[in-house]
């Protein structure tokens, strides 16, 4: 059984991750994937979701800094 996804690297951007996640959801919902691929694709989806949440949190934190008029150098993680 394969446990690694062919896309196991981090996405280039939030937008790329979101696009890949949308495509992955469509494949999962199609009901045509074998069980082993379902598990692998689900794991990749979890990775992408974590990536997107982390990016959104980083932007939210930066907005809080800007709203608080506290200026500091922002470095994306």
PDB file of N, CA and C in Angstrom:
ATOM      1  N   UNK A   1       0.839  -1.179   0.000  1.00  0.00           N
ATOM      2  CA  UNK A   1       0.000   0.000   0.000  1.00  0.00           C
ATOM      3  C   UNK A   1       0.876   1.231   0.000  1.00  0.00           C
ATOM      4  N   UNK A   2       0.599   2.171  -0.862  1.00  0.00           N
ATOM      5  CA  UNK A   2       1.371   3.407  -0.944  1.00  0.00           C
ATOM      6  C   UNK A   2       0.935   4.333   0.184  1.00  0.00           C
ATOM      7  N   UNK A   3       1.942   4.948   0.834  1.00  0.00           N
ATOM      8  CA  UNK A   3       1.617   5.866   1.914  1.00  0.00           C
ATOM      9  C   UNK A   3       2.061   7.278   1.604  1.00  0.00           C
ATOM     10  N   UNK A   4       2.800   7.476   0.546  1.00  0.00           N
ATOM     11  CA  UNK A   4       3.275   8.820   0.195  1.00  0.00           C
ATOM     12  C   UNK A   4       2.552   9.299  -1.046  1.00  0.00           C
ATOM     13  N   UNK A   5       2.263  10.569  -1.060  1.00  0.00           N
ATOM     14  CA  UNK A   5       1.611  11.172  -2.210  1.00  0.00           C
ATOM     15  C   UNK A   5       2.653  11.645  -3.209  1.00  0.00           C
ATOM     16  N   UNK A   6       2.282  11.644  -4.471  1.00  0.00           N
ATOM     17  CA  UNK A   6       3.211  12.151  -5.479  1.00  0.00           C
ATOM     18  C   UNK A   6       3.386  13.657  -5.357  1.00  0.00           C
ATOM     19  N   UNK A   7       2.517  14.309  -4.583  1.00  0.00           N
ATOM     20  CA  UNK A   7       2.585  15.750  -4.375  1.00  0.00           C
ATOM     21  C   UNK A   7       2.959  16.067  -2.931  1.00  0.00           C
ATOM     22  N   UNK A   8       3.830  15.287  -2.307  1.00  0.00           N
ATOM     23  CA  UNK A   8       4.079  15.440  -0.882  1.00  0.00           C
ATOM     24  C   UNK A   8       4.884  16.690  -0.529  1.00  0.00           C
ATOM     25  N   UNK A   9       5.337  17.447  -1.499  1.00  0.00           N
ATOM     26  CA  UNK A   9       6.070  18.670  -1.200  1.00  0.00           C
ATOM     27  C   UNK A   9       5.094  19.796  -0.866  1.00  0.00           C
ATOM     28  N   UNK A  10       5.623  20.828  -0.217  1.00  0.00           N
ATOM     29  CA  UNK A  10       4.794  21.974   0.134  1.00  0.00           C
ATOM     30  C   UNK A  10       4.402  22.733  -1.134  1.00  0.00           C
ATOM     31  N   UNK A  11       3.186  23.230  -1.177  1.00  0.00           N
ATOM     32  CA  UNK A  11       2.751  24.005  -2.337  1.00  0.00           C
ATOM     33  C   UNK A  11       3.538  25.307  -2.451  1.00  0.00           C
ATOM     34  N   UNK A  12       3.571  25.857  -3.640  1.00  0.00           N
ATOM     35  CA  UNK A  12       4.307  27.094  -3.894  1.00  0.00           C
ATOM     36  C   UNK A  12       3.634  28.304  -3.254  1.00  0.00           C
ATOM     37  N   UNK A  13       2.316  28.238  -3.093  1.00  0.00           N
ATOM     38  CA  UNK A  13       1.586  29.383  -2.551  1.00  0.00           C
ATOM     39  C   UNK A  13       0.256  28.911  -1.989  1.00  0.00           C
ATOM     40  N   UNK A  14      -0.408  29.819  -1.289  1.00  0.00           N
ATOM     41  CA  UNK A  14      -1.751  29.539  -0.772  1.00  0.00           C
ATOM     42  C   UNK A  14      -2.685  29.199  -1.927  1.00  0.00           C
ATOM     43  N   UNK A  15      -2.609  29.990  -2.997  1.00  0.00           N
ATOM     44  CA  UNK A  15      -3.494  29.776  -4.149  1.00  0.00           C
ATOM     45  C   UNK A  15      -3.255  28.413  -4.791  1.00  0.00           C
ATOM     46  N   UNK A  16      -1.991  28.007  -4.902  1.00  0.00           N
ATOM     47  CA  UNK A  16      -1.671  26.695  -5.477  1.00  0.00           C
ATOM     48  C   UNK A  16      -2.211  25.580  -4.584  1.00  0.00           C
ATOM     49  N   UNK A  17      -2.078  25.754  -3.273  1.00  0.00           N
ATOM     50  CA  UNK A  17      -2.584  24.753  -2.331  1.00  0.00           C
ATOM     51  C   UNK A  17      -4.099  24.650  -2.427  1.00  0.00           C
ATOM     52  N   UNK A  18      -4.771  25.778  -2.500  1.00  0.00           N
ATOM     53  CA  UNK A  18      -6.224  25.794  -2.587  1.00  0.00           C
ATOM     54  C   UNK A  18      -6.703  25.128  -3.876  1.00  0.00           C
ATOM     55  N   UNK A  19      -6.023  25.414  -4.980  1.00  0.00           N
ATOM     56  CA  UNK A  19      -6.400  24.802  -6.251  1.00  0.00           C
ATOM     57  C   UNK A  19      -6.205  23.284  -6.202  1.00  0.00           C
ATOM     58  N   UNK A  20      -5.073  22.850  -5.659  1.00  0.00           N
ATOM     59  CA  UNK A  20      -4.827  21.405  -5.548  1.00  0.00           C
ATOM     60  C   UNK A  20      -5.860  20.756  -4.627  1.00  0.00           C
ATOM     61  N   UNK A  21      -6.204  21.427  -3.546  1.00  0.00           N
ATOM     62  CA  UNK A  21      -7.185  20.897  -2.610  1.00  0.00           C
ATOM     63  C   UNK A  21      -8.556  20.758  -3.272  1.00  0.00           C
ATOM     64  N   UNK A  22      -8.947  21.747  -4.062  1.00  0.00           N
ATOM     65  CA  UNK A  22     -10.225  21.675  -4.774  1.00  0.00           C
ATOM     66  C   UNK A  22     -10.252  20.500  -5.754  1.00  0.00           C
ATOM     67  N   UNK A  23      -9.152  20.296  -6.468  1.00  0.00           N
ATOM     68  CA  UNK A  23      -9.074  19.178  -7.405  1.00  0.00           C
ATOM     69  C   UNK A  23      -9.117  17.842  -6.670  1.00  0.00           C
ATOM     70  N   UNK A  24      -8.439  17.788  -5.542  1.00  0.00           N
ATOM     71  CA  UNK A  24      -8.403  16.575  -4.744  1.00  0.00           C
ATOM     72  C   UNK A  24      -9.800  16.230  -4.219  1.00  0.00           C
ATOM     73  N   UNK A  25     -10.518  17.229  -3.731  1.00  0.00           N
ATOM     74  CA  UNK A  25     -11.871  17.000  -3.231  1.00  0.00           C
ATOM     75  C   UNK A  25     -12.762  16.468  -4.349  1.00  0.00           C
ATOM     76  N   UNK A  26     -12.635  17.008  -5.532  1.00  0.00           N
ATOM     77  CA  UNK A  26     -13.434  16.532  -6.666  1.00  0.00           C
ATOM     78  C   UNK A  26     -13.144  15.064  -6.956  1.00  0.00           C
ATOM     79  N   UNK A  27     -11.855  14.676  -6.895  1.00  0.00           N
ATOM     80  CA  UNK A  27     -11.504  13.264  -7.125  1.00  0.00           C
ATOM     81  C   UNK A  27     -12.060  12.374  -6.020  1.00  0.00           C
ATOM     82  N   UNK A  28     -11.974  12.835  -4.782  1.00  0.00           N
ATOM     83  CA  UNK A  28     -12.497  12.050  -3.663  1.00  0.00           C
ATOM     84  C   UNK A  28     -14.010  11.880  -3.771  1.00  0.00           C
ATOM     85  N   UNK A  29     -14.688  12.939  -4.147  1.00  0.00           N
ATOM     86  CA  UNK A  29     -16.148  12.892  -4.257  1.00  0.00           C
ATOM     87  C   UNK A  29     -16.627  12.091  -5.456  1.00  0.00           C
ATOM     88  N   UNK A  30     -15.752  11.859  -6.426  1.00  0.00           N
ATOM     89  CA  UNK A  30     -16.158  11.111  -7.617  1.00  0.00           C
ATOM     90  C   UNK A  30     -16.480   9.659  -7.286  1.00  0.00           C
ATOM     91  N   UNK A  31     -15.893   9.155  -6.210  1.00  0.00           N
ATOM     92  CA  UNK A  31     -16.147   7.765  -5.818  1.00  0.00           C
ATOM     93  C   UNK A  31     -15.460   6.740  -6.696  1.00  0.00           C
ATOM     94  N   UNK A  32     -14.528   7.163  -7.530  1.00  0.00           N
ATOM     95  CA  UNK A  32     -13.888   6.255  -8.477  1.00  0.00           C
ATOM     96  C   UNK A  32     -12.476   5.845  -8.082  1.00  0.00           C
ATOM     97  N   UNK A  33     -11.964   6.344  -6.951  1.00  0.00           N
ATOM     98  CA  UNK A  33     -10.595   6.014  -6.548  1.00  0.00           C
ATOM     99  C   UNK A  33     -10.567   4.710  -5.763  1.00  0.00           C
ATOM    100  N   UNK A  34      -9.554   3.883  -5.993  1.00  0.00           N
ATOM    101  CA  UNK A  34      -9.380   2.679  -5.184  1.00  0.00           C
ATOM    102  C   UNK A  34      -9.086   3.070  -3.733  1.00  0.00           C
ATOM    103  N   UNK A  35      -9.337   2.162  -2.809  1.00  0.00           N
ATOM    104  CA  UNK A  35      -9.193   2.440  -1.388  1.00  0.00           C
ATOM    105  C   UNK A  35      -7.805   2.960  -1.027  1.00  0.00           C
ATOM    106  N   UNK A  36      -6.743   2.354  -1.557  1.00  0.00           N
ATOM    107  CA  UNK A  36      -5.376   2.797  -1.246  1.00  0.00           C
ATOM    108  C   UNK A  36      -5.161   4.243  -1.688  1.00  0.00           C
ATOM    109  N   UNK A  37      -5.675   4.609  -2.831  1.00  0.00           N
ATOM    110  CA  UNK A  37      -5.541   5.985  -3.307  1.00  0.00           C
ATOM    111  C   UNK A  37      -6.405   6.939  -2.495  1.00  0.00           C
ATOM    112  N   UNK A  38      -7.548   6.469  -2.025  1.00  0.00           N
ATOM    113  CA  UNK A  38      -8.387   7.312  -1.178  1.00  0.00           C
ATOM    114  C   UNK A  38      -7.627   7.739   0.069  1.00  0.00           C
ATOM    115  N   UNK A  39      -6.961   6.803   0.695  1.00  0.00           N
ATOM    116  CA  UNK A  39      -6.207   7.105   1.901  1.00  0.00           C
ATOM    117  C   UNK A  39      -5.079   8.086   1.603  1.00  0.00           C
ATOM    118  N   UNK A  40      -4.335   7.844   0.547  1.00  0.00           N
ATOM    119  CA  UNK A  40      -3.224   8.717   0.166  1.00  0.00           C
ATOM    120  C   UNK A  40      -3.723  10.120  -0.164  1.00  0.00           C
ATOM    121  N   UNK A  41      -4.802  10.197  -0.907  1.00  0.00           N
ATOM    122  CA  UNK A  41      -5.357  11.495  -1.287  1.00  0.00           C
ATOM    123  C   UNK A  41      -5.922  12.230  -0.075  1.00  0.00           C
ATOM    124  N   UNK A  42      -6.529  11.488   0.846  1.00  0.00           N
ATOM    125  CA  UNK A  42      -7.042  12.096   2.063  1.00  0.00           C
ATOM    126  C   UNK A  42      -5.895  12.676   2.888  1.00  0.00           C
ATOM    127  N   UNK A  43      -4.799  11.945   2.981  1.00  0.00           N
ATOM    128  CA  UNK A  43      -3.633  12.432   3.721  1.00  0.00           C
ATOM    129  C   UNK A  43      -3.080  13.698   3.082  1.00  0.00           C
ATOM    130  N   UNK A  44      -3.009  13.737   1.760  1.00  0.00           N
ATOM    131  CA  UNK A  44      -2.534  14.926   1.067  1.00  0.00           C
ATOM    132  C   UNK A  44      -3.479  16.099   1.331  1.00  0.00           C
ATOM    133  N   UNK A  45      -4.769  15.823   1.326  1.00  0.00           N
ATOM    134  CA  UNK A  45      -5.739  16.866   1.618  1.00  0.00           C
ATOM    135  C   UNK A  45      -5.534  17.453   3.009  1.00  0.00           C
ATOM    136  N   UNK A  46      -5.234  16.595   3.971  1.00  0.00           N
ATOM    137  CA  UNK A  46      -4.976  17.065   5.331  1.00  0.00           C
ATOM    138  C   UNK A  46      -3.729  17.950   5.356  1.00  0.00           C
ATOM    139  N   UNK A  47      -2.698  17.583   4.595  1.00  0.00           N
ATOM    140  CA  UNK A  47      -1.480  18.403   4.506  1.00  0.00           C
ATOM    141  C   UNK A  47      -1.796  19.772   3.896  1.00  0.00           C
ATOM    142  N   UNK A  48      -2.571  19.767   2.830  1.00  0.00           N
ATOM    143  CA  UNK A  48      -2.925  21.022   2.161  1.00  0.00           C
ATOM    144  C   UNK A  48      -3.782  21.906   3.057  1.00  0.00           C
ATOM    145  N   UNK A  49      -4.704  21.299   3.771  1.00  0.00           N
ATOM    146  CA  UNK A  49      -5.554  22.060   4.676  1.00  0.00           C
ATOM    147  C   UNK A  49      -4.720  22.711   5.771  1.00  0.00           C
ATOM    148  N   UNK A  50      -3.771  21.984   6.322  1.00  0.00           N
ATOM    149  CA  UNK A  50      -2.882  22.538   7.340  1.00  0.00           C
ATOM    150  C   UNK A  50      -2.069  23.693   6.767  1.00  0.00           C
ATOM    151  N   UNK A  51      -1.538  23.516   5.557  1.00  0.00           N
ATOM    152  CA  UNK A  51      -0.771  24.564   4.890  1.00  0.00           C
ATOM    153  C   UNK A  51      -1.619  25.828   4.740  1.00  0.00           C
ATOM    154  N   UNK A  52      -2.851  25.680   4.247  1.00  0.00           N
ATOM    155  CA  UNK A  52      -3.733  26.831   4.037  1.00  0.00           C
ATOM    156  C   UNK A  52      -4.078  27.508   5.357  1.00  0.00           C
ATOM    157  N   UNK A  53      -4.394  26.725   6.365  1.00  0.00           N
ATOM    158  CA  UNK A  53      -4.720  27.301   7.673  1.00  0.00           C
ATOM    159  C   UNK A  53      -3.536  28.076   8.243  1.00  0.00           C
ATOM    160  N   UNK A  54      -2.335  27.518   8.105  1.00  0.00           N
ATOM    161  CA  UNK A  54      -1.133  28.201   8.601  1.00  0.00           C
ATOM    162  C   UNK A  54      -0.918  29.530   7.890  1.00  0.00           C
ATOM    163  N   UNK A  55      -1.108  29.550   6.576  1.00  0.00           N
ATOM    164  CA  UNK A  55      -0.929  30.787   5.815  1.00  0.00           C
ATOM    165  C   UNK A  55      -1.971  31.826   6.202  1.00  0.00           C
ATOM    166  N   UNK A  56      -3.216  31.382   6.354  1.00  0.00           N
ATOM    167  CA  UNK A  56      -4.275  32.308   6.758  1.00  0.00           C
ATOM    168  C   UNK A  56      -4.011  32.867   8.151  1.00  0.00           C
ATOM    169  N   UNK A  57      -3.541  32.043   9.047  1.00  0.00           N
ATOM    170  CA  UNK A  57      -3.213  32.505  10.400  1.00  0.00           C
ATOM    171  C   UNK A  57      -2.077  33.525  10.370  1.00  0.00           C
ATOM    172  N   UNK A  58      -1.071  33.286   9.528  1.00  0.00           N
ATOM    173  CA  UNK A  58       0.039  34.228   9.420  1.00  0.00           C
ATOM    174  C   UNK A  58      -0.439  35.584   8.916  1.00  0.00           C
ATOM    175  N   UNK A  59      -1.322  35.573   7.933  1.00  0.00           N
ATOM    176  CA  UNK A  59      -1.857  36.834   7.403  1.00  0.00           C
ATOM    177  C   UNK A  59      -2.733  37.516   8.456  1.00  0.00           C
ATOM    178  N   UNK A  60      -3.539  36.741   9.142  1.00  0.00           N
ATOM    179  CA  UNK A  60      -4.382  37.306  10.203  1.00  0.00           C
ATOM    180  C   UNK A  60      -3.526  37.965  11.283  1.00  0.00           C
ATOM    181  N   UNK A  61      -2.439  37.321  11.665  1.00  0.00           N
ATOM    182  CA  UNK A  61      -1.546  37.899  12.668  1.00  0.00           C
ATOM    183  C   UNK A  61      -0.915  39.188  12.178  1.00  0.00           C
ATOM    184  N   UNK A  62      -0.563  39.239  10.904  1.00  0.00           N
ATOM    185  CA  UNK A  62       0.006  40.458  10.340  1.00  0.00           C
ATOM    186  C   UNK A  62      -1.021  41.590  10.330  1.00  0.00           C
ATOM    187  N   UNK A  63      -2.257  41.267  10.012  1.00  0.00           N
ATOM    188  CA  UNK A  63      -3.312  42.282  10.033  1.00  0.00           C
ATOM    189  C   UNK A  63      -3.497  42.806  11.444  1.00  0.00           C
ATOM    190  N   UNK A  64      -3.443  41.929  12.434  1.00  0.00           N
ATOM    191  CA  UNK A  64      -3.555  42.370  13.827  1.00  0.00           C
ATOM    192  C   UNK A  64      -2.429  43.331  14.182  1.00  0.00           C
ATOM    193  N   UNK A  65      -1.236  43.043  13.704  1.00  0.00           N
ATOM    194  CA  UNK A  65      -0.095  43.934  13.951  1.00  0.00           C
ATOM    195  C   UNK A  65      -0.349  45.287  13.309  1.00  0.00           C
ATOM    196  N   UNK A  66      -0.826  45.289  12.092  1.00  0.00           N
ATOM    197  CA  UNK A  66      -1.085  46.545  11.389  1.00  0.00           C
ATOM    198  C   UNK A  66      -2.232  47.316  12.033  1.00  0.00           C
ATOM    199  N   UNK A  67      -3.283  46.618  12.438  1.00  0.00           N
ATOM    200  CA  UNK A  67      -4.412  47.280  13.084  1.00  0.00           C
ATOM    201  C   UNK A  67      -4.012  47.882  14.423  1.00  0.00           C
ATOM    202  N   UNK A  68      -3.056  47.266  15.085  1.00  0.00           N
ATOM    203  CA  UNK A  68      -2.614  47.753  16.380  1.00  0.00           C
ATOM    204  C   UNK A  68      -1.564  48.829  16.273  1.00  0.00           C
ATOM    205  N   UNK A  69      -1.292  49.267  15.072  1.00  0.00           N
ATOM    206  CA  UNK A  69      -0.253  50.261  14.778  1.00  0.00           C
ATOM    207  C   UNK A  69       1.106  49.879  15.351  1.00  0.00           C
ATOM    208  N   UNK A  70       1.321  48.602  15.547  1.00  0.00           N
ATOM    209  CA  UNK A  70       2.631  48.101  15.955  1.00  0.00           C
ATOM    210  C   UNK A  70       3.330  47.652  14.690  1.00  0.00           C
ATOM    211  N   UNK A  71       4.411  48.290  14.372  1.00  0.00           N
ATOM    212  CA  UNK A  71       5.120  47.958  13.155  1.00  0.00           C
ATOM    213  C   UNK A  71       6.323  47.092  13.475  1.00  0.00           C
ATOM    214  N   UNK A  72       6.407  46.001  12.813  1.00  0.00           N
ATOM    215  CA  UNK A  72       7.555  45.130  12.944  1.00  0.00           C
ATOM    216  C   UNK A  72       7.717  44.402  11.614  1.00  0.00           C
ATOM    217  N   UNK A  73       8.878  43.888  11.392  1.00  0.00           N
ATOM    218  CA  UNK A  73       9.140  43.169  10.159  1.00  0.00           C
ATOM    219  C   UNK A  73       8.368  41.872  10.158  1.00  0.00           C
ATOM    220  N   UNK A  74       7.659  41.654   9.091  1.00  0.00           N
ATOM    221  CA  UNK A  74       6.880  40.427   8.944  1.00  0.00           C
ATOM    222  C   UNK A  74       7.647  39.472   8.071  1.00  0.00           C
ATOM    223  N   UNK A  75       7.846  38.270   8.560  1.00  0.00           N
ATOM    224  CA  UNK A  75       8.498  37.226   7.770  1.00  0.00           C
ATOM    225  C   UNK A  75       7.578  36.026   7.717  1.00  0.00           C
ATOM    226  N   UNK A  76       7.147  35.652   6.529  1.00  0.00           N
ATOM    227  CA  UNK A  76       6.275  34.478   6.404  1.00  0.00           C
ATOM    228  C   UNK A  76       7.034  33.233   6.842  1.00  0.00           C
ATOM    229  N   UNK A  77       6.321  32.356   7.494  1.00  0.00           N
ATOM    230  CA  UNK A  77       6.943  31.120   7.990  1.00  0.00           C
ATOM    231  C   UNK A  77       7.060  30.089   6.915  1.00  0.00           C
TER     232      UNK A  77
END
